[in-house]
């Protein structure tokens, strides 16, 4: 009887995880071009040898099934690493797991927080920063499910001599019945927080920011719509993969617009910049559109269709860096093929632009890949030049019935 129950449970898990499924995607038809590789370009293949090392977080086990066996939906995902003013390094990362409702598995994601007091040599779990919360769908109140947190980005700042922490998350509704496969696109929204410390972000005040497709029932404080986006796309996109940066009294929010109409055409998905003066509570901040930072033109130079999973940070030499994942669309399986990570230099966020040479070629500062990944590739990267880990790189194994994921140290320090 036990074996029969386990077989049924596994069948249900496979069905639900099929929403996250992938197969072998066709390679990009656009060859890499117009890239300047210099003697300063740092490169590593985490699929070869032991150059990269898996990050260990003491006190935080990867999720398991109720019987203690390995879960097909588990690991540490898309990190953010930042050093506070006291020299302590903080790491936030999604923790995928399966919740069980009436014995049925529902894929879910919590956000965990760890810290290092020895420059990134060792890491210790601190707390669950955000957890998937049972709610009813405000658009359809009879539908029960969870408010999920898929990704997070943290930013420590000193303002007038006072340390403060900003945070940003991607949120959406996951129904109990249907799970990830039936996430309503109109539930996707961004939340921006401010607190005195990273641990306080859990209960911090926040603003709800909408894209064009976000339903008003989520009560957004402001809809952020790029002025130069086409009229039709303005109504059919949601924000994803947010990142924060602060300079000279201005807080910048950098995000990727995911278009829903003609979903397979991700050439329209670009990285955009908004800015605000963070005075008062987050819900009172007014965001101003600054422009498009990067899009399909630059992605094609990297042999991809778009750039996503962005992180913004000052490098070792003080230059402003964009860490991002080039990817394209898997038309056969309806999923994304992430092609490792790249690091480019940002010229400006006020007048958004990345650095190119006199011939218009991208200047590539670093490139990370995983030659052992399947053709859906890897996931996000993050970087703090103060950490011995170098750039953190997310390796994943995404198949038709599982998603297991881990964070790796590359030791690259652009």
Foldseek 3Di string as FASTA:
>chain_A
DVVVVVVVQLVLLLVLQLLVADDFFDAFPQDAAQEDEDPLAAEDAPQDDPLWFFADAPPDDWDDPPVRHRDQWFEWDQKAWDAAPVRKIKIKTKTWDWDADVNGTAIAIWIWMWIDPPQAPHIYTDGGLGGWAWAADLVHRVFTFTWGWHDKEKDWDADPNAIKMKMKTWIFTATPPSHPNPTDPQRTWMKMFMDRDSSVRSPTFIFIEWALSHDCSVVGLYYDFDPPQDPVQRNFWTWDQWEWDDDDQKIKIKTWIQGDVVNQQCQSIFIFIWIWRPDDGNSPTDIHGQGTQDGQVQLSNVSARGWHNWYWDQAPVRFIKIKTWGWHARVVSGAIFTFFIWIWTWPDRNNHYTDHDPVRGTHTSYTYAHPPERRSGFHHWYADLSHQLGIKTKGWHHHSNGIYIGIMRNSDGD
